[in-house]
Amino acid sequence: MKIKKTNAMRHLDTLKLPYEHFDLNLKEAADANTVADLLHAKKEQVFKTLVTESNDKEHFVFMIPADKHLSLKKAAKAAGKKKIEMIAQKQLLPLTGYVHGGCSPLGMKKQFPTFFDQSALEFETIYFSGGKIGVQIEMDPKLLEQAVGAKPFDLCED
């Protein structure tokens, strides 16, 4: 059976970076904790992708563990901005090309500066959205740095 590739997978294929993908056959978005359970993975190893906007209307992508919350203060510091806020859910699709629950840091309409929580580097691989609800990509976080220029940073609320 032929695999239907997502933009995120095609991006990694173009870069010739190794990854695994999993199709969890979800009909609707599931929270990242549920995804971790379905993958039989540690919750702190499954990352969610969050899109934000700065006070000067620049967009940034942050990836944090499923069981954590993004510190907007730390996110602003990482991005070198005074203030960062989450974008409205209705902005996600037109801005990134992805729907809520299927947003990948890879293969967006435009590549935005991307940061991931430094805890990702504690793992050989992490999981994150493959660009479609229910599709997950597993890869080395150091290769994710390479794929999107992502930078590790302390991003989570204490």
Protein backbone atom coordinates (compact mmCIF):
# COMPACT_ATOMS: atom_id res chain seq x y z
CA MET A 1 0.00 0.00 0.00
CA LYS A 2 1.38 3.40 -1.01
CA ILE A 3 1.93 5.89 1.80
CA LYS A 4 0.25 9.27 1.34
CA LYS A 5 3.05 11.71 2.16
CA THR A 6 2.37 14.97 3.96
CA ASN A 7 4.20 18.23 3.24
CA ALA A 8 6.24 17.59 6.38
CA MET A 9 7.37 14.17 5.12
CA ARG A 10 8.15 15.54 1.66
CA HIS A 11 10.26 18.27 3.30
CA LEU A 12 12.29 15.66 5.20
CA ASP A 13 12.59 13.49 2.07
CA THR A 14 13.94 16.46 0.10
CA LEU A 15 16.57 17.02 2.80
CA LYS A 16 17.28 13.26 2.85
CA LEU A 17 16.84 13.19 6.63
CA PRO A 18 15.78 9.92 8.30
CA TYR A 19 12.46 9.70 10.14
CA GLU A 20 9.68 7.27 10.97
CA HIS A 21 6.02 8.10 10.56
CA PHE A 22 2.95 6.71 12.30
CA ASP A 23 -0.66 7.00 11.22
CA LEU A 24 -2.84 6.71 14.30
CA ASN A 25 -6.06 6.74 12.22
CA LEU A 26 -7.65 9.52 14.26
CA LYS A 27 -10.84 11.07 12.91
CA GLU A 28 -10.46 14.27 14.94
CA ALA A 29 -7.71 16.10 16.80
CA ALA A 30 -6.53 14.45 19.99
CA ASP A 31 -4.53 16.14 22.70
CA ALA A 32 -0.83 15.42 22.77
CA ASN A 33 -1.17 13.29 25.91
CA THR A 34 -3.58 10.95 24.10
CA VAL A 35 -1.18 10.79 21.17
CA ALA A 36 1.64 9.82 23.57
CA ASP A 37 -0.51 6.98 24.94
CA LEU A 38 -1.34 5.73 21.42
CA LEU A 39 2.36 5.75 20.48
CA HIS A 40 3.32 4.02 23.75
CA ALA A 41 5.75 6.90 24.25
CA LYS A 42 6.68 9.05 27.21
CA LYS A 43 4.55 12.19 27.33
CA GLU A 44 7.68 14.31 27.62
CA GLN A 45 8.95 12.76 24.35
CA VAL A 46 5.86 13.81 22.35
CA PHE A 47 5.94 17.44 21.30
CA LYS A 48 3.13 19.76 20.32
CA THR A 49 3.63 22.56 17.81
CA LEU A 50 2.40 26.03 18.78
CA VAL A 51 2.28 29.10 16.54
CA THR A 52 2.59 32.57 18.04
CA GLU A 53 2.69 36.21 17.05
CA SER A 54 4.92 38.91 18.50
CA ASN A 55 3.93 42.46 19.40
CA ASP A 56 5.31 43.55 16.00
CA LYS A 57 3.23 40.92 14.10
CA GLU A 58 6.11 38.47 13.44
CA HIS A 59 5.26 34.77 13.71
CA PHE A 60 7.21 32.12 15.60
CA VAL A 61 6.83 28.37 16.09
CA PHE A 62 7.46 26.68 19.43
CA MET A 63 7.58 22.97 20.16
CA ILE A 64 7.10 21.79 23.73
CA PRO A 65 6.45 18.45 25.44
CA ALA A 66 2.82 17.27 25.42
CA ASP A 67 2.49 17.48 29.18
CA LYS A 68 3.84 21.06 29.51
CA HIS A 69 2.65 24.61 28.93
CA LEU A 70 4.49 27.26 26.92
CA SER A 71 5.84 30.15 28.96
CA LEU A 72 5.04 33.18 26.79
CA LYS A 73 7.69 35.13 28.69
CA LYS A 74 10.38 32.53 27.87
CA ALA A 75 9.11 32.31 24.29
CA ALA A 76 9.47 36.08 23.87
CA LYS A 77 13.00 35.91 25.28
CA ALA A 78 13.92 33.07 22.87
CA ALA A 79 12.57 35.08 19.93
CA GLY A 80 14.17 38.32 21.11
CA LYS A 81 10.78 40.04 21.35
CA LYS A 82 9.05 42.08 24.06
CA LYS A 83 5.83 40.12 23.93
CA ILE A 84 4.51 36.93 22.31
CA GLU A 85 0.94 35.63 22.21
CA MET A 86 -0.69 32.51 20.79
CA ILE A 87 -2.39 33.12 17.45
CA ALA A 88 -6.14 32.67 17.22
CA GLN A 89 -7.08 29.14 16.10
CA LYS A 90 -8.87 30.54 13.02
CA GLN A 91 -5.54 32.05 11.84
CA LEU A 92 -3.70 28.71 11.88
CA LEU A 93 -4.87 27.24 8.55
CA PRO A 94 -4.47 30.40 6.42
CA LEU A 95 -1.07 31.14 8.00
CA THR A 96 0.51 27.66 8.05
CA GLY A 97 -1.59 25.46 5.77
CA TYR A 98 -2.26 23.16 8.73
CA VAL A 99 -5.34 22.57 10.90
CA HIS A 100 -5.44 22.54 14.68
CA GLY A 101 -4.27 19.13 15.87
CA GLY A 102 -2.25 18.53 12.71
CA CYS A 103 0.23 21.41 12.74
CA SER A 104 3.80 20.40 11.96
CA PRO A 105 6.88 22.60 12.25
CA LEU A 106 7.87 21.21 8.83
CA GLY A 107 6.30 22.09 5.47
CA MET A 108 4.36 25.19 6.50
CA LYS A 109 3.33 27.66 3.79
CA LYS A 110 6.19 29.85 5.06
CA GLN A 111 8.98 28.73 7.36
CA PHE A 112 8.87 30.76 10.56
CA PRO A 113 11.66 30.94 13.15
CA THR A 114 11.28 27.74 15.16
CA PHE A 115 12.32 26.86 18.70
CA PHE A 116 11.95 23.63 20.65
CA ASP A 117 12.18 23.00 24.34
CA GLN A 118 15.72 21.97 25.22
CA SER A 119 14.37 18.87 26.98
CA ALA A 120 14.06 17.32 23.49
CA LEU A 121 17.83 16.86 23.49
CA GLU A 122 17.50 14.37 26.37
CA PHE A 123 15.98 11.87 23.90
CA GLU A 124 17.42 10.04 20.91
CA THR A 125 14.13 10.70 19.10
CA ILE A 126 11.03 12.82 19.65
CA TYR A 127 7.54 12.64 18.14
CA PHE A 128 5.63 15.55 16.62
CA SER A 129 2.81 16.15 14.16
CA GLY A 130 3.40 14.99 10.61
CA GLY A 131 1.09 17.66 9.21
CA LYS A 132 -2.21 15.83 9.35
CA ILE A 133 -4.44 14.82 12.26
CA GLY A 134 -3.26 11.45 13.50
CA VAL A 135 0.06 11.43 11.63
CA GLN A 136 3.16 11.60 13.80
CA ILE A 137 6.82 11.85 12.84
CA GLU A 138 9.57 10.37 14.98
CA MET A 139 13.08 11.71 14.47
CA ASP A 140 16.30 12.77 16.15
CA PRO A 141 15.81 16.30 17.58
CA LYS A 142 19.28 17.28 16.33
CA LEU A 143 18.08 16.53 12.79
CA LEU A 144 15.00 18.65 13.43
CA GLU A 145 17.40 21.52 14.16
CA GLN A 146 18.88 20.88 10.73
CA ALA A 147 15.50 20.53 8.98
CA VAL A 148 14.00 23.87 10.06
CA GLY A 149 16.83 25.73 11.74
CA ALA A 150 15.10 25.07 15.06
CA LYS A 151 16.91 26.19 18.17
CA PRO A 152 16.71 24.55 21.62
CA PHE A 153 15.63 26.85 24.45
CA ASP A 154 14.05 26.68 27.90
CA LEU A 155 10.41 27.29 26.89
CA CYS A 156 8.13 25.65 29.46
CA GLU A 157 6.41 27.11 32.48
CA ASP A 158 8.11 26.08 35.71
